[in-house]
Amino acid sequence: MVNPSQMSKIYSSMQISTSSNPANICMLHTKCTYFLKQALQQQNPEQNRLLLDKVQNIIAELEHSLIVEDSLSRGLFYIYDYCYSLLESTDTEAIENALSLLSVLRDTFDELLG
């Protein structure tokens, strides 16, 4: 029998594999903002670092998926890179800044898909 945690992972995997690339990008931005909000509430430094590492991994994937051929994609790359570097520390202000930037990107991509 599959436990709820395994079922959630299966569902997420299925959702990603059956979604279009733009939808995947929206989901990744949503996950980033979700993990950052959790990190801001987290009191345990080890858990906090784990959440920030997850966000950095997602940002790295977003950076690698870019085809940097124009000023727009280059600018997006720099924003991702800046957010990644902000999350090197566990400073609350840095996390809030990264959350703010990634939230704007999430909302923008959602609106473009909508």
N, C-alpha and C. Protein backbone atom coordinates (compact mmCIF):
# COMPACT_ATOMS: atom_id res chain seq x y z
N MET A 1 0.85 -1.19 0.00
CA MET A 1 0.00 0.00 0.00
C MET A 1 0.89 1.25 0.00
N VAL A 2 0.49 2.24 -0.74
CA VAL A 2 1.24 3.48 -0.88
C VAL A 2 0.82 4.44 0.22
N ASN A 3 1.83 4.98 0.96
CA ASN A 3 1.50 5.93 2.01
C ASN A 3 1.27 7.33 1.41
N PRO A 4 0.69 8.24 2.16
CA PRO A 4 0.35 9.57 1.61
C PRO A 4 1.57 10.34 1.08
N SER A 5 2.72 10.20 1.72
CA SER A 5 3.92 10.90 1.27
C SER A 5 4.35 10.39 -0.10
N GLN A 6 4.32 9.09 -0.28
CA GLN A 6 4.69 8.50 -1.57
C GLN A 6 3.67 8.90 -2.64
N MET A 7 2.41 8.92 -2.27
CA MET A 7 1.36 9.30 -3.21
C MET A 7 1.55 10.74 -3.67
N SER A 8 1.94 11.62 -2.74
CA SER A 8 2.18 13.01 -3.08
C SER A 8 3.33 13.14 -4.07
N LYS A 9 4.40 12.37 -3.86
CA LYS A 9 5.54 12.40 -4.77
C LYS A 9 5.15 11.87 -6.14
N ILE A 10 4.36 10.83 -6.18
CA ILE A 10 3.90 10.26 -7.45
C ILE A 10 3.05 11.28 -8.19
N TYR A 11 2.14 11.93 -7.47
CA TYR A 11 1.27 12.93 -8.08
C TYR A 11 2.09 14.09 -8.64
N SER A 12 3.06 14.59 -7.85
CA SER A 12 3.90 15.70 -8.31
C SER A 12 4.69 15.31 -9.54
N SER A 13 5.23 14.12 -9.53
CA SER A 13 6.01 13.63 -10.67
C SER A 13 5.13 13.54 -11.92
N MET A 14 3.94 13.03 -11.75
CA MET A 14 3.01 12.90 -12.87
C MET A 14 2.58 14.27 -13.39
N GLN A 15 2.35 15.20 -12.47
CA GLN A 15 1.94 16.55 -12.86
C GLN A 15 3.04 17.22 -13.69
N ILE A 16 4.29 17.04 -13.28
CA ILE A 16 5.41 17.64 -13.99
C ILE A 16 5.60 16.99 -15.36
N SER A 17 5.51 15.67 -15.40
CA SER A 17 5.77 14.98 -16.66
C SER A 17 4.67 15.19 -17.70
N THR A 18 3.48 15.56 -17.27
CA THR A 18 2.38 15.75 -18.22
C THR A 18 2.08 17.21 -18.51
N SER A 19 2.82 18.13 -17.89
CA SER A 19 2.59 19.56 -18.10
C SER A 19 3.47 20.09 -19.22
N SER A 20 3.05 21.19 -19.80
CA SER A 20 3.86 21.85 -20.82
C SER A 20 5.04 22.55 -20.16
N ASN A 21 6.04 22.91 -20.95
CA ASN A 21 7.21 23.60 -20.40
C ASN A 21 6.84 24.90 -19.69
N PRO A 22 6.00 25.75 -20.27
CA PRO A 22 5.62 26.98 -19.55
C PRO A 22 4.92 26.68 -18.21
N ALA A 23 4.09 25.64 -18.19
CA ALA A 23 3.43 25.28 -16.94
C ALA A 23 4.45 24.79 -15.92
N ASN A 24 5.45 24.05 -16.38
CA ASN A 24 6.51 23.59 -15.48
C ASN A 24 7.27 24.77 -14.89
N ILE A 25 7.53 25.78 -15.70
CA ILE A 25 8.23 26.96 -15.21
C ILE A 25 7.40 27.65 -14.12
N CYS A 26 6.10 27.74 -14.33
CA CYS A 26 5.22 28.32 -13.31
C CYS A 26 5.24 27.49 -12.02
N MET A 27 5.19 26.18 -12.18
CA MET A 27 5.23 25.30 -11.01
C MET A 27 6.54 25.46 -10.24
N LEU A 28 7.64 25.58 -10.95
CA LEU A 28 8.93 25.74 -10.29
C LEU A 28 9.00 27.06 -9.52
N HIS A 29 8.48 28.12 -10.10
CA HIS A 29 8.46 29.41 -9.39
C HIS A 29 7.55 29.32 -8.15
N THR A 30 6.44 28.63 -8.29
CA THR A 30 5.52 28.46 -7.16
C THR A 30 6.21 27.68 -6.04
N LYS A 31 6.94 26.63 -6.40
CA LYS A 31 7.67 25.84 -5.40
C LYS A 31 8.72 26.69 -4.70
N CYS A 32 9.42 27.52 -5.46
CA CYS A 32 10.43 28.40 -4.87
C CYS A 32 9.81 29.31 -3.81
N THR A 33 8.71 29.95 -4.16
CA THR A 33 8.08 30.87 -3.21
C THR A 33 7.54 30.11 -2.00
N TYR A 34 7.02 28.92 -2.23
CA TYR A 34 6.52 28.09 -1.12
C TYR A 34 7.65 27.74 -0.15
N PHE A 35 8.77 27.26 -0.68
CA PHE A 35 9.89 26.89 0.19
C PHE A 35 10.48 28.10 0.90
N LEU A 36 10.52 29.26 0.23
CA LEU A 36 11.06 30.46 0.87
C LEU A 36 10.17 30.93 2.01
N LYS A 37 8.85 30.84 1.82
CA LYS A 37 7.94 31.21 2.90
C LYS A 37 8.12 30.27 4.09
N GLN A 38 8.32 28.98 3.81
CA GLN A 38 8.57 28.02 4.89
C GLN A 38 9.88 28.35 5.60
N ALA A 39 10.91 28.72 4.83
CA ALA A 39 12.21 29.03 5.41
C ALA A 39 12.12 30.24 6.35
N LEU A 40 11.30 31.21 5.98
CA LEU A 40 11.14 32.39 6.84
C LEU A 40 10.48 32.06 8.16
N GLN A 41 9.66 31.00 8.18
CA GLN A 41 8.98 30.60 9.40
C GLN A 41 9.76 29.57 10.20
N GLN A 42 10.78 28.99 9.59
CA GLN A 42 11.53 27.89 10.19
C GLN A 42 12.46 28.39 11.30
N GLN A 43 12.40 27.72 12.44
CA GLN A 43 13.26 28.08 13.57
C GLN A 43 14.53 27.21 13.62
N ASN A 44 14.45 26.03 13.06
CA ASN A 44 15.58 25.10 13.05
C ASN A 44 16.54 25.47 11.92
N PRO A 45 17.80 25.85 12.25
CA PRO A 45 18.75 26.27 11.21
C PRO A 45 19.04 25.19 10.16
N GLU A 46 19.05 23.93 10.57
CA GLU A 46 19.32 22.85 9.62
C GLU A 46 18.17 22.71 8.62
N GLN A 47 16.95 22.78 9.11
CA GLN A 47 15.77 22.72 8.23
C GLN A 47 15.73 23.93 7.30
N ASN A 48 16.07 25.08 7.86
CA ASN A 48 16.10 26.31 7.09
C ASN A 48 17.08 26.17 5.92
N ARG A 49 18.28 25.67 6.21
CA ARG A 49 19.29 25.49 5.16
C ARG A 49 18.81 24.49 4.11
N LEU A 50 18.15 23.45 4.55
CA LEU A 50 17.62 22.44 3.62
C LEU A 50 16.61 23.07 2.66
N LEU A 51 15.72 23.90 3.19
CA LEU A 51 14.73 24.58 2.34
C LEU A 51 15.41 25.53 1.36
N LEU A 52 16.40 26.28 1.84
CA LEU A 52 17.11 27.21 0.96
C LEU A 52 17.89 26.46 -0.12
N ASP A 53 18.44 25.31 0.23
CA ASP A 53 19.14 24.48 -0.76
C ASP A 53 18.18 23.99 -1.84
N LYS A 54 16.96 23.64 -1.44
CA LYS A 54 15.96 23.21 -2.42
C LYS A 54 15.66 24.34 -3.40
N VAL A 55 15.51 25.55 -2.87
CA VAL A 55 15.23 26.70 -3.74
C VAL A 55 16.42 26.95 -4.67
N GLN A 56 17.63 26.87 -4.13
CA GLN A 56 18.80 27.07 -4.98
C GLN A 56 18.88 26.02 -6.08
N ASN A 57 18.51 24.80 -5.79
CA ASN A 57 18.51 23.75 -6.81
C ASN A 57 17.49 24.06 -7.91
N ILE A 58 16.32 24.54 -7.51
CA ILE A 58 15.30 24.91 -8.50
C ILE A 58 15.79 26.08 -9.35
N ILE A 59 16.38 27.08 -8.70
CA ILE A 59 16.90 28.24 -9.44
C ILE A 59 17.97 27.80 -10.43
N ALA A 60 18.83 26.89 -10.02
CA ALA A 60 19.87 26.39 -10.93
C ALA A 60 19.24 25.71 -12.14
N GLU A 61 18.17 24.95 -11.93
CA GLU A 61 17.47 24.32 -13.05
C GLU A 61 16.85 25.36 -13.98
N LEU A 62 16.27 26.40 -13.39
CA LEU A 62 15.69 27.46 -14.20
C LEU A 62 16.77 28.17 -15.02
N GLU A 63 17.92 28.41 -14.41
CA GLU A 63 19.04 29.04 -15.13
C GLU A 63 19.51 28.18 -16.30
N HIS A 64 19.63 26.88 -16.04
CA HIS A 64 20.12 25.97 -17.07
C HIS A 64 19.12 25.78 -18.21
N SER A 65 17.86 26.02 -17.93
CA SER A 65 16.84 25.84 -18.97
C SER A 65 16.74 27.05 -19.89
N LEU A 66 17.35 28.17 -19.48
CA LEU A 66 17.28 29.39 -20.31
C LEU A 66 18.14 29.26 -21.56
N ILE A 67 17.64 29.79 -22.63
CA ILE A 67 18.43 29.93 -23.86
C ILE A 67 18.77 31.42 -23.94
N VAL A 68 19.99 31.75 -23.54
CA VAL A 68 20.39 33.14 -23.41
C VAL A 68 20.82 33.67 -24.77
N GLU A 69 19.86 34.25 -25.48
CA GLU A 69 20.13 34.79 -26.81
C GLU A 69 19.78 36.26 -26.94
N ASP A 70 19.05 36.79 -25.97
CA ASP A 70 18.63 38.19 -26.06
C ASP A 70 18.73 38.85 -24.70
N SER A 71 18.45 40.14 -24.66
CA SER A 71 18.60 40.89 -23.41
C SER A 71 17.57 40.46 -22.36
N LEU A 72 16.40 40.03 -22.79
CA LEU A 72 15.38 39.58 -21.83
C LEU A 72 15.83 38.31 -21.10
N SER A 73 16.27 37.31 -21.84
CA SER A 73 16.70 36.07 -21.20
C SER A 73 17.99 36.30 -20.40
N ARG A 74 18.85 37.18 -20.87
CA ARG A 74 20.07 37.51 -20.12
C ARG A 74 19.70 38.18 -18.80
N GLY A 75 18.73 39.09 -18.84
CA GLY A 75 18.27 39.76 -17.62
C GLY A 75 17.64 38.77 -16.65
N LEU A 76 16.87 37.84 -17.18
CA LEU A 76 16.26 36.81 -16.33
C LEU A 76 17.33 35.94 -15.68
N PHE A 77 18.37 35.62 -16.46
CA PHE A 77 19.48 34.84 -15.92
C PHE A 77 20.12 35.58 -14.75
N TYR A 78 20.34 36.89 -14.90
CA TYR A 78 20.96 37.68 -13.83
C TYR A 78 20.07 37.76 -12.59
N ILE A 79 18.78 37.83 -12.79
CA ILE A 79 17.86 37.84 -11.65
C ILE A 79 17.94 36.51 -10.90
N TYR A 80 17.92 35.40 -11.64
CA TYR A 80 18.06 34.09 -11.00
C TYR A 80 19.39 34.00 -10.26
N ASP A 81 20.45 34.46 -10.90
CA ASP A 81 21.78 34.39 -10.28
C ASP A 81 21.82 35.22 -9.00
N TYR A 82 21.20 36.39 -9.04
CA TYR A 82 21.15 37.25 -7.86
C TYR A 82 20.37 36.57 -6.72
N CYS A 83 19.23 35.99 -7.04
CA CYS A 83 18.43 35.28 -6.03
C CYS A 83 19.23 34.11 -5.45
N TYR A 84 19.92 33.39 -6.31
CA TYR A 84 20.74 32.26 -5.85
C TYR A 84 21.78 32.75 -4.84
N SER A 85 22.45 33.86 -5.17
CA SER A 85 23.49 34.37 -4.27
C SER A 85 22.90 34.92 -2.97
N LEU A 86 21.70 35.49 -3.03
CA LEU A 86 21.04 35.96 -1.81
C LEU A 86 20.82 34.81 -0.83
N LEU A 87 20.55 33.63 -1.37
CA LEU A 87 20.20 32.49 -0.52
C LEU A 87 21.42 31.73 0.00
N GLU A 88 22.61 32.26 -0.28
CA GLU A 88 23.83 31.67 0.30
C GLU A 88 23.84 31.87 1.81
N SER A 89 23.23 32.95 2.27
CA SER A 89 23.14 33.21 3.70
C SER A 89 21.73 32.89 4.18
N THR A 90 21.57 32.80 5.47
CA THR A 90 20.24 32.56 6.04
C THR A 90 19.67 33.85 6.62
N ASP A 91 20.20 34.97 6.17
CA ASP A 91 19.73 36.27 6.61
C ASP A 91 18.28 36.48 6.17
N THR A 92 17.44 36.86 7.11
CA THR A 92 16.02 37.02 6.84
C THR A 92 15.76 38.05 5.75
N GLU A 93 16.49 39.15 5.75
CA GLU A 93 16.28 40.20 4.75
C GLU A 93 16.63 39.69 3.35
N ALA A 94 17.70 38.91 3.25
CA ALA A 94 18.09 38.34 1.95
C ALA A 94 17.03 37.37 1.44
N ILE A 95 16.49 36.55 2.34
CA ILE A 95 15.45 35.59 1.96
C ILE A 95 14.20 36.34 1.51
N GLU A 96 13.84 37.40 2.22
CA GLU A 96 12.67 38.20 1.85
C GLU A 96 12.86 38.86 0.48
N ASN A 97 14.08 39.33 0.20
CA ASN A 97 14.36 39.93 -1.11
C ASN A 97 14.23 38.91 -2.23
N ALA A 98 14.78 37.72 -2.00
CA ALA A 98 14.66 36.65 -3.00
C ALA A 98 13.19 36.27 -3.19
N LEU A 99 12.46 36.18 -2.10
CA LEU A 99 11.04 35.84 -2.17
C LEU A 99 10.28 36.90 -2.98
N SER A 100 10.60 38.15 -2.74
CA SER A 100 9.93 39.23 -3.46
C SER A 100 10.18 39.13 -4.97
N LEU A 101 11.42 38.94 -5.35
CA LEU A 101 11.76 38.83 -6.78
C LEU A 101 11.11 37.60 -7.42
N LEU A 102 11.21 36.46 -6.75
CA LEU A 102 10.66 35.23 -7.31
C LEU A 102 9.13 35.26 -7.34
N SER A 103 8.52 35.97 -6.41
CA SER A 103 7.05 36.12 -6.43
C SER A 103 6.60 36.93 -7.63
N VAL A 104 7.34 37.99 -7.94
CA VAL A 104 7.02 38.80 -9.11
C VAL A 104 7.16 37.96 -10.38
N LEU A 105 8.23 37.18 -10.45
CA LEU A 105 8.43 36.32 -11.63
C LEU A 105 7.31 35.28 -11.73
N ARG A 106 6.96 34.69 -10.59
CA ARG A 106 5.87 33.70 -10.58
C ARG A 106 4.57 34.31 -11.09
N ASP A 107 4.23 35.48 -10.56
CA ASP A 107 3.00 36.15 -10.96
C ASP A 107 3.02 36.51 -12.44
N THR A 108 4.18 36.95 -12.91
CA THR A 108 4.32 37.33 -14.32
C THR A 108 4.12 36.12 -15.22
N PHE A 109 4.79 35.02 -14.91
CA PHE A 109 4.64 33.82 -15.73
C PHE A 109 3.21 33.27 -15.65
N ASP A 110 2.60 33.33 -14.47
CA ASP A 110 1.20 32.90 -14.34
C ASP A 110 0.29 33.73 -15.23
N GLU A 111 0.52 35.05 -15.23
CA GLU A 111 -0.31 35.94 -16.03
C GLU A 111 -0.11 35.69 -17.53
N LEU A 112 1.13 35.43 -17.92
CA LEU A 112 1.42 35.15 -19.32
C LEU A 112 0.74 33.86 -19.78
N LEU A 113 0.65 32.89 -18.89
CA LEU A 113 0.00 31.61 -19.24
C LEU A 113 -1.51 31.69 -19.18
N GLY A 114 -1.99 32.58 -18.31
CA GLY A 114 -3.42 32.67 -18.05
C GLY A 114 -4.20 33.04 -19.24
